[in-house]
């Protein structure tokens, strides 16, 4: 439920766009450990409390699920890691990348042993880039977000029978369920996709009291046609 599109150009709330750079695929399991300040250079928005359910209706009979998310650099990277993990061909890419790293490492040693030092340095640099490319890309994304007015924005999400509603002190957006194509379930949350590159990440830790993961899953089962279960503890 996030995105680079919002980060770069203030698109619709909670809307995410996958980076086009192939470097994003260099390590699906590599968590970002680059420290970057989440201090927002813009004024922080005022806290925005979600409205209660309609009169005479409760969260239970309204089919409503609620989450509150802080749009930080760490959240954005977490969402991108889940997006990369569900992409088709991910396993094949990891295997090819591993083979490439080992091959370039061998060529580097061979080049240096044959006194082709300049060529060896080039191969070594390319090998290092393959290894740390994901970290570099995560740092670049966080750096771009640091200049966005949406940094540290507190988003409230309501998932109801009728729509996907996201708002904050800065924006208010409603998306019809017909815009969504697939839901991917992980142990720690759910990734909801609009086509292949737009996505929304809802971690279970962001759910407000009274909202359970199974309520969201039941709602998505009735509103989205394609589902993918990536959970390991079922």
C-alpha atoms as a PDB file:
ATOM      1  CA  UNK A   1       0.000   0.000   0.000  1.00  0.00           C
ATOM      2  CA  UNK A   2       2.814   2.233  -0.680  1.00  0.00           C
ATOM      3  CA  UNK A   3       4.888   3.470  -3.307  1.00  0.00           C
ATOM      4  CA  UNK A   4       7.601   4.995  -5.238  1.00  0.00           C
ATOM      5  CA  UNK A   5       5.048   6.807  -7.354  1.00  0.00           C
ATOM      6  CA  UNK A   6       3.851   8.716  -4.288  1.00  0.00           C
ATOM      7  CA  UNK A   7       7.406   9.245  -3.193  1.00  0.00           C
ATOM      8  CA  UNK A   8       8.442  10.739  -6.523  1.00  0.00           C
ATOM      9  CA  UNK A   9       5.316  12.532  -7.713  1.00  0.00           C
ATOM     10  CA  UNK A  10       2.472  12.498  -5.147  1.00  0.00           C
ATOM     11  CA  UNK A  11       0.197   9.885  -6.709  1.00  0.00           C
ATOM     12  CA  UNK A  12      -2.924   8.423  -5.125  1.00  0.00           C
ATOM     13  CA  UNK A  13      -2.697   7.490  -1.452  1.00  0.00           C
ATOM     14  CA  UNK A  14      -1.125   4.183  -0.547  1.00  0.00           C
ATOM     15  CA  UNK A  15      -0.374   3.476  -4.188  1.00  0.00           C
ATOM     16  CA  UNK A  16       2.969   1.814  -4.840  1.00  0.00           C
ATOM     17  CA  UNK A  17       5.005   1.396  -7.976  1.00  0.00           C
ATOM     18  CA  UNK A  18       7.795  -1.099  -8.436  1.00  0.00           C
ATOM     19  CA  UNK A  19      11.174   0.350  -9.461  1.00  0.00           C
ATOM     20  CA  UNK A  20      12.125  -0.265 -13.071  1.00  0.00           C
ATOM     21  CA  UNK A  21      15.803  -0.770 -12.225  1.00  0.00           C
ATOM     22  CA  UNK A  22      16.783  -4.456 -12.526  1.00  0.00           C
ATOM     23  CA  UNK A  23      19.076  -3.908  -9.570  1.00  0.00           C
ATOM     24  CA  UNK A  24      15.968  -4.303  -7.420  1.00  0.00           C
ATOM     25  CA  UNK A  25      16.042  -8.030  -8.152  1.00  0.00           C
ATOM     26  CA  UNK A  26      19.570  -8.692  -6.961  1.00  0.00           C
ATOM     27  CA  UNK A  27      18.641 -10.163  -3.583  1.00  0.00           C
ATOM     28  CA  UNK A  28      15.100 -10.952  -2.514  1.00  0.00           C
ATOM     29  CA  UNK A  29      16.114 -12.094   0.933  1.00  0.00           C
ATOM     30  CA  UNK A  30      18.529  -9.253   1.653  1.00  0.00           C
ATOM     31  CA  UNK A  31      17.128  -6.894   4.265  1.00  0.00           C
ATOM     32  CA  UNK A  32      18.273  -3.299   4.062  1.00  0.00           C
ATOM     33  CA  UNK A  33      20.751  -2.433   6.777  1.00  0.00           C
ATOM     34  CA  UNK A  34      21.698   1.017   5.512  1.00  0.00           C
ATOM     35  CA  UNK A  35      20.899   3.572   8.200  1.00  0.00           C
ATOM     36  CA  UNK A  36      19.142   6.634   6.874  1.00  0.00           C
ATOM     37  CA  UNK A  37      17.385   9.373   8.761  1.00  0.00           C
ATOM     38  CA  UNK A  38      13.588   9.377   8.739  1.00  0.00           C
ATOM     39  CA  UNK A  39      13.502  13.008   9.736  1.00  0.00           C
ATOM     40  CA  UNK A  40      11.024  14.824   7.524  1.00  0.00           C
ATOM     41  CA  UNK A  41      12.212  18.232   6.272  1.00  0.00           C
ATOM     42  CA  UNK A  42       8.551  19.218   5.869  1.00  0.00           C
ATOM     43  CA  UNK A  43       6.176  20.039   8.654  1.00  0.00           C
ATOM     44  CA  UNK A  44       4.654  16.917  10.174  1.00  0.00           C
ATOM     45  CA  UNK A  45       0.928  16.496   9.441  1.00  0.00           C
ATOM     46  CA  UNK A  46      -1.519  16.642  12.296  1.00  0.00           C
ATOM     47  CA  UNK A  47      -2.844  13.383  13.677  1.00  0.00           C
ATOM     48  CA  UNK A  48      -6.024  12.294  11.885  1.00  0.00           C
ATOM     49  CA  UNK A  49      -8.379   9.970  13.739  1.00  0.00           C
ATOM     50  CA  UNK A  50     -10.435   7.548  11.639  1.00  0.00           C
ATOM     51  CA  UNK A  51     -14.213   7.955  11.661  1.00  0.00           C
ATOM     52  CA  UNK A  52     -16.329   5.396  13.430  1.00  0.00           C
ATOM     53  CA  UNK A  53     -18.555   2.986  11.543  1.00  0.00           C
ATOM     54  CA  UNK A  54     -21.820   4.287  10.128  1.00  0.00           C
ATOM     55  CA  UNK A  55     -24.643   4.773  12.688  1.00  0.00           C
ATOM     56  CA  UNK A  56     -26.258   1.461  13.524  1.00  0.00           C
ATOM     57  CA  UNK A  57     -23.353  -0.529  12.050  1.00  0.00           C
ATOM     58  CA  UNK A  58     -20.264  -1.995  13.685  1.00  0.00           C
ATOM     59  CA  UNK A  59     -16.919  -3.101  12.324  1.00  0.00           C
ATOM     60  CA  UNK A  60     -18.121  -6.691  12.487  1.00  0.00           C
ATOM     61  CA  UNK A  61     -21.266  -6.284  10.382  1.00  0.00           C
ATOM     62  CA  UNK A  62     -19.780  -3.606   8.152  1.00  0.00           C
ATOM     63  CA  UNK A  63     -17.098  -5.999   6.848  1.00  0.00           C
ATOM     64  CA  UNK A  64     -14.607  -3.291   7.793  1.00  0.00           C
ATOM     65  CA  UNK A  65     -10.928  -3.812   8.612  1.00  0.00           C
ATOM     66  CA  UNK A  66      -8.688  -0.984   9.785  1.00  0.00           C
ATOM     67  CA  UNK A  67      -4.924  -0.424   9.842  1.00  0.00           C
ATOM     68  CA  UNK A  68      -2.690   2.535  10.583  1.00  0.00           C
ATOM     69  CA  UNK A  69       0.727   2.813   8.946  1.00  0.00           C
ATOM     70  CA  UNK A  70       3.608   5.277   9.227  1.00  0.00           C
ATOM     71  CA  UNK A  71       5.037   5.917   5.763  1.00  0.00           C
ATOM     72  CA  UNK A  72       8.732   5.658   6.640  1.00  0.00           C
ATOM     73  CA  UNK A  73      11.769   4.506   4.706  1.00  0.00           C
ATOM     74  CA  UNK A  74      11.810   1.218   6.600  1.00  0.00           C
ATOM     75  CA  UNK A  75       8.164   0.585   5.746  1.00  0.00           C
ATOM     76  CA  UNK A  76       8.772   1.295   2.071  1.00  0.00           C
ATOM     77  CA  UNK A  77      11.736  -1.088   1.887  1.00  0.00           C
ATOM     78  CA  UNK A  78       9.757  -3.776   3.724  1.00  0.00           C
ATOM     79  CA  UNK A  79       6.964  -3.442   1.169  1.00  0.00           C
ATOM     80  CA  UNK A  80       9.394  -3.666  -1.755  1.00  0.00           C
ATOM     81  CA  UNK A  81      10.984  -6.812  -0.298  1.00  0.00           C
ATOM     82  CA  UNK A  82       7.542  -8.489  -0.190  1.00  0.00           C
ATOM     83  CA  UNK A  83       6.823  -7.328  -3.745  1.00  0.00           C
ATOM     84  CA  UNK A  84      10.099  -8.768  -5.047  1.00  0.00           C
ATOM     85  CA  UNK A  85       9.505 -12.047  -3.198  1.00  0.00           C
ATOM     86  CA  UNK A  86       6.240 -12.751  -5.049  1.00  0.00           C
ATOM     87  CA  UNK A  87       7.468 -12.016  -8.582  1.00  0.00           C
ATOM     88  CA  UNK A  88       7.495 -14.843 -11.109  1.00  0.00           C
ATOM     89  CA  UNK A  89      10.958 -16.097 -11.982  1.00  0.00           C
ATOM     90  CA  UNK A  90      12.411 -14.954  -8.678  1.00  0.00           C
ATOM     91  CA  UNK A  91      14.052 -18.302  -7.896  1.00  0.00           C
ATOM     92  CA  UNK A  92      15.563 -18.522 -11.384  1.00  0.00           C
ATOM     93  CA  UNK A  93      17.002 -15.018 -11.048  1.00  0.00           C
ATOM     94  CA  UNK A  94      18.608 -15.824  -7.675  1.00  0.00           C
ATOM     95  CA  UNK A  95      20.195 -18.976  -9.124  1.00  0.00           C
ATOM     96  CA  UNK A  96      21.539 -17.103 -12.167  1.00  0.00           C
ATOM     97  CA  UNK A  97      22.829 -14.297  -9.975  1.00  0.00           C
ATOM     98  CA  UNK A  98      24.659 -16.762  -7.718  1.00  0.00           C
ATOM     99  CA  UNK A  99      26.255 -18.463 -10.726  1.00  0.00           C
ATOM    100  CA  UNK A 100      27.298 -15.062 -12.115  1.00  0.00           C
ATOM    101  CA  UNK A 101      28.906 -14.022  -8.809  1.00  0.00           C
ATOM    102  CA  UNK A 102      30.905 -17.236  -8.572  1.00  0.00           C
ATOM    103  CA  UNK A 103      31.937 -17.023 -12.233  1.00  0.00           C
ATOM    104  CA  UNK A 104      33.091 -13.403 -12.032  1.00  0.00           C
ATOM    105  CA  UNK A 105      34.944 -14.149  -8.805  1.00  0.00           C
ATOM    106  CA  UNK A 106      36.860 -16.952 -10.565  1.00  0.00           C
ATOM    107  CA  UNK A 107      37.592 -14.735 -13.578  1.00  0.00           C
ATOM    108  CA  UNK A 108      38.845 -12.019 -11.224  1.00  0.00           C
ATOM    109  CA  UNK A 109      41.337 -14.385  -9.590  1.00  0.00           C
ATOM    110  CA  UNK A 110      42.435 -15.671 -12.990  1.00  0.00           C
ATOM    111  CA  UNK A 111      42.922 -12.179 -14.410  1.00  0.00           C
ATOM    112  CA  UNK A 112      45.011 -11.033 -11.453  1.00  0.00           C
ATOM    113  CA  UNK A 113      47.091 -14.229 -11.537  1.00  0.00           C
ATOM    114  CA  UNK A 114      47.856 -13.493 -15.216  1.00  0.00           C
ATOM    115  CA  UNK A 115      48.868  -9.915 -14.262  1.00  0.00           C
ATOM    116  CA  UNK A 116      45.878  -8.337 -16.040  1.00  0.00           C
ATOM    117  CA  UNK A 117      45.350  -6.078 -13.078  1.00  0.00           C
ATOM    118  CA  UNK A 118      43.101  -3.469 -14.693  1.00  0.00           C
ATOM    119  CA  UNK A 119      40.775  -6.131 -16.054  1.00  0.00           C
ATOM    120  CA  UNK A 120      40.867  -7.907 -12.680  1.00  0.00           C
ATOM    121  CA  UNK A 121      39.836  -4.741 -10.858  1.00  0.00           C
ATOM    122  CA  UNK A 122      36.954  -4.267 -13.295  1.00  0.00           C
ATOM    123  CA  UNK A 123      35.735  -7.828 -12.723  1.00  0.00           C
ATOM    124  CA  UNK A 124      36.099  -7.463  -8.957  1.00  0.00           C
ATOM    125  CA  UNK A 125      34.064  -4.245  -8.985  1.00  0.00           C
ATOM    126  CA  UNK A 126      31.307  -5.916 -11.021  1.00  0.00           C
ATOM    127  CA  UNK A 127      31.260  -8.864  -8.610  1.00  0.00           C
ATOM    128  CA  UNK A 128      30.877  -6.549  -5.617  1.00  0.00           C
ATOM    129  CA  UNK A 129      28.074  -4.702  -7.421  1.00  0.00           C
ATOM    130  CA  UNK A 130      26.185  -7.975  -7.874  1.00  0.00           C
ATOM    131  CA  UNK A 131      26.550  -8.731  -4.177  1.00  0.00           C
ATOM    132  CA  UNK A 132      25.606  -5.331  -2.714  1.00  0.00           C
ATOM    133  CA  UNK A 133      23.410  -4.018  -5.518  1.00  0.00           C
ATOM    134  CA  UNK A 134      20.212  -4.479  -3.523  1.00  0.00           C
ATOM    135  CA  UNK A 135      21.584  -2.495  -0.610  1.00  0.00           C
ATOM    136  CA  UNK A 136      22.593   0.324  -2.940  1.00  0.00           C
ATOM    137  CA  UNK A 137      19.137   0.375  -4.478  1.00  0.00           C
ATOM    138  CA  UNK A 138      17.455   0.418  -1.058  1.00  0.00           C
ATOM    139  CA  UNK A 139      19.669   3.322  -0.019  1.00  0.00           C
ATOM    140  CA  UNK A 140      18.763   5.207  -3.200  1.00  0.00           C
ATOM    141  CA  UNK A 141      15.037   4.697  -2.566  1.00  0.00           C
ATOM    142  CA  UNK A 142      15.296   5.865   1.051  1.00  0.00           C
ATOM    143  CA  UNK A 143      17.294   8.899  -0.012  1.00  0.00           C
ATOM    144  CA  UNK A 144      14.605   9.882  -2.510  1.00  0.00           C
ATOM    145  CA  UNK A 145      11.868   9.445   0.118  1.00  0.00           C
ATOM    146  CA  UNK A 146      13.757  11.683   2.549  1.00  0.00           C
ATOM    147  CA  UNK A 147      12.940  14.698   0.358  1.00  0.00           C
ATOM    148  CA  UNK A 148       9.247  13.834   0.046  1.00  0.00           C
ATOM    149  CA  UNK A 149       6.509  15.609   2.054  1.00  0.00           C
ATOM    150  CA  UNK A 150       4.954  12.151   2.564  1.00  0.00           C
ATOM    151  CA  UNK A 151       7.851  10.980   4.756  1.00  0.00           C
ATOM    152  CA  UNK A 152       6.489   9.839   8.158  1.00  0.00           C
ATOM    153  CA  UNK A 153       2.940  10.482   6.994  1.00  0.00           C
ATOM    154  CA  UNK A 154       0.441   8.536   9.107  1.00  0.00           C
ATOM    155  CA  UNK A 155      -1.960   6.645   6.843  1.00  0.00           C
ATOM    156  CA  UNK A 156      -5.226   5.101   7.956  1.00  0.00           C
ATOM    157  CA  UNK A 157      -6.668   2.281   5.834  1.00  0.00           C
ATOM    158  CA  UNK A 158     -10.243   1.051   5.833  1.00  0.00           C
ATOM    159  CA  UNK A 159     -11.088  -2.085   3.869  1.00  0.00           C
ATOM    160  CA  UNK A 160     -14.835  -2.467   3.505  1.00  0.00           C
ATOM    161  CA  UNK A 161     -17.257  -4.369   1.291  1.00  0.00           C
ATOM    162  CA  UNK A 162     -17.471  -1.379  -1.036  1.00  0.00           C
ATOM    163  CA  UNK A 163     -13.938  -0.015  -1.404  1.00  0.00           C
ATOM    164  CA  UNK A 164     -10.338   0.396  -0.257  1.00  0.00           C
ATOM    165  CA  UNK A 165     -10.179   3.722   1.582  1.00  0.00           C
ATOM    166  CA  UNK A 166      -6.906   5.444   2.552  1.00  0.00           C
ATOM    167  CA  UNK A 167      -6.501   8.837   4.128  1.00  0.00           C
ATOM    168  CA  UNK A 168      -4.233  11.059   6.166  1.00  0.00           C
ATOM    169  CA  UNK A 169      -4.082  14.740   7.076  1.00  0.00           C
ATOM    170  CA  UNK A 170      -2.733  15.347   3.545  1.00  0.00           C
ATOM    171  CA  UNK A 171      -4.981  13.190   1.341  1.00  0.00           C
ATOM    172  CA  UNK A 172      -8.118  11.104   1.063  1.00  0.00           C
ATOM    173  CA  UNK A 173      -8.494   8.369  -1.583  1.00  0.00           C
ATOM    174  CA  UNK A 174     -11.055   5.649  -2.297  1.00  0.00           C
ATOM    175  CA  UNK A 175     -10.268   2.777  -4.684  1.00  0.00           C
ATOM    176  CA  UNK A 176     -12.846   0.382  -6.076  1.00  0.00           C
ATOM    177  CA  UNK A 177     -12.148  -3.321  -5.584  1.00  0.00           C
ATOM    178  CA  UNK A 178     -12.431  -3.776  -9.357  1.00  0.00           C
ATOM    179  CA  UNK A 179      -9.007  -2.099  -9.653  1.00  0.00           C
ATOM    180  CA  UNK A 180      -7.276  -4.914  -7.748  1.00  0.00           C
ATOM    181  CA  UNK A 181      -6.044  -8.067  -9.452  1.00  0.00           C
ATOM    182  CA  UNK A 182      -4.303 -10.245  -6.842  1.00  0.00           C
ATOM    183  CA  UNK A 183      -3.657 -10.710  -3.124  1.00  0.00           C
ATOM    184  CA  UNK A 184      -0.475 -12.374  -1.804  1.00  0.00           C
ATOM    185  CA  UNK A 185      -0.446 -13.547   1.819  1.00  0.00           C
ATOM    186  CA  UNK A 186       2.740 -13.622   3.917  1.00  0.00           C
ATOM    187  CA  UNK A 187       3.291 -14.582   7.548  1.00  0.00           C
ATOM    188  CA  UNK A 188       3.523 -10.919   8.541  1.00  0.00           C
ATOM    189  CA  UNK A 189       0.994  -9.262   6.221  1.00  0.00           C
ATOM    190  CA  UNK A 190      -0.748  -9.145   2.857  1.00  0.00           C
ATOM    191  CA  UNK A 191       0.342  -7.602  -0.447  1.00  0.00           C
ATOM    192  CA  UNK A 192      -2.534  -6.371  -2.628  1.00  0.00           C
ATOM    193  CA  UNK A 193      -1.696  -5.735  -6.285  1.00  0.00           C
ATOM    194  CA  UNK A 194      -3.198  -3.558  -9.001  1.00  0.00           C
ATOM    195  CA  UNK A 195      -1.715  -5.154 -12.091  1.00  0.00           C
ATOM    196  CA  UNK A 196       1.925  -6.288 -12.139  1.00  0.00           C
ATOM    197  CA  UNK A 197       3.647  -3.179 -10.749  1.00  0.00           C
ATOM    198  CA  UNK A 198       1.287  -1.303  -8.418  1.00  0.00           C
ATOM    199  CA  UNK A 199       0.953  -2.724  -4.928  1.00  0.00           C
ATOM    200  CA  UNK A 200      -0.240  -2.075  -1.386  1.00  0.00           C
ATOM    201  CA  UNK A 201       1.447  -3.674   1.633  1.00  0.00           C
ATOM    202  CA  UNK A 202      -0.527  -4.124   4.860  1.00  0.00           C
ATOM    203  CA  UNK A 203       1.535  -5.598   7.726  1.00  0.00           C
ATOM    204  CA  UNK A 204      -0.481  -7.421  10.394  1.00  0.00           C
ATOM    205  CA  UNK A 205       1.329  -5.370  13.047  1.00  0.00           C
ATOM    206  CA  UNK A 206      -0.416  -2.258  11.711  1.00  0.00           C
ATOM    207  CA  UNK A 207      -3.944  -3.580  12.350  1.00  0.00           C
ATOM    208  CA  UNK A 208      -5.920  -1.682  14.959  1.00  0.00           C
ATOM    209  CA  UNK A 209      -7.579  -3.385  17.898  1.00  0.00           C
ATOM    210  CA  UNK A 210     -10.651  -5.307  16.777  1.00  0.00           C
ATOM    211  CA  UNK A 211      -9.237  -6.140  13.351  1.00  0.00           C
ATOM    212  CA  UNK A 212      -7.912  -9.667  12.783  1.00  0.00           C
ATOM    213  CA  UNK A 213      -5.906 -10.921   9.767  1.00  0.00           C
ATOM    214  CA  UNK A 214      -8.561 -13.528   8.995  1.00  0.00           C
ATOM    215  CA  UNK A 215     -11.137 -10.762   8.615  1.00  0.00           C
ATOM    216  CA  UNK A 216      -9.025  -9.093   5.926  1.00  0.00           C
ATOM    217  CA  UNK A 217      -8.394 -12.416   4.210  1.00  0.00           C
ATOM    218  CA  UNK A 218     -12.118 -13.252   4.174  1.00  0.00           C
ATOM    219  CA  UNK A 219     -12.918  -9.834   2.722  1.00  0.00           C
ATOM    220  CA  UNK A 220     -10.253 -10.103   0.016  1.00  0.00           C
ATOM    221  CA  UNK A 221     -11.440 -13.598  -0.941  1.00  0.00           C
ATOM    222  CA  UNK A 222     -14.811 -12.104  -1.905  1.00  0.00           C
ATOM    223  CA  UNK A 223     -13.447  -8.995  -3.669  1.00  0.00           C
ATOM    224  CA  UNK A 224     -10.289 -10.124  -5.522  1.00  0.00           C
ATOM    225  CA  UNK A 225     -10.164 -13.016  -7.979  1.00  0.00           C
ATOM    226  CA  UNK A 226      -6.521 -14.187  -7.688  1.00  0.00           C
ATOM    227  CA  UNK A 227      -4.826 -15.273  -4.468  1.00  0.00           C
ATOM    228  CA  UNK A 228      -1.327 -16.519  -3.656  1.00  0.00           C
ATOM    229  CA  UNK A 229      -0.388 -17.978  -0.264  1.00  0.00           C
ATOM    230  CA  UNK A 230       3.318 -17.510   0.605  1.00  0.00           C
ATOM    231  CA  UNK A 231       2.946 -18.242   4.320  1.00  0.00           C
ATOM    232  CA  UNK A 232       5.327 -20.759   5.872  1.00  0.00           C
ATOM    233  CA  UNK A 233       3.624 -21.394   9.221  1.00  0.00           C
ATOM    234  CA  UNK A 234       0.283 -22.747   8.029  1.00  0.00           C
END
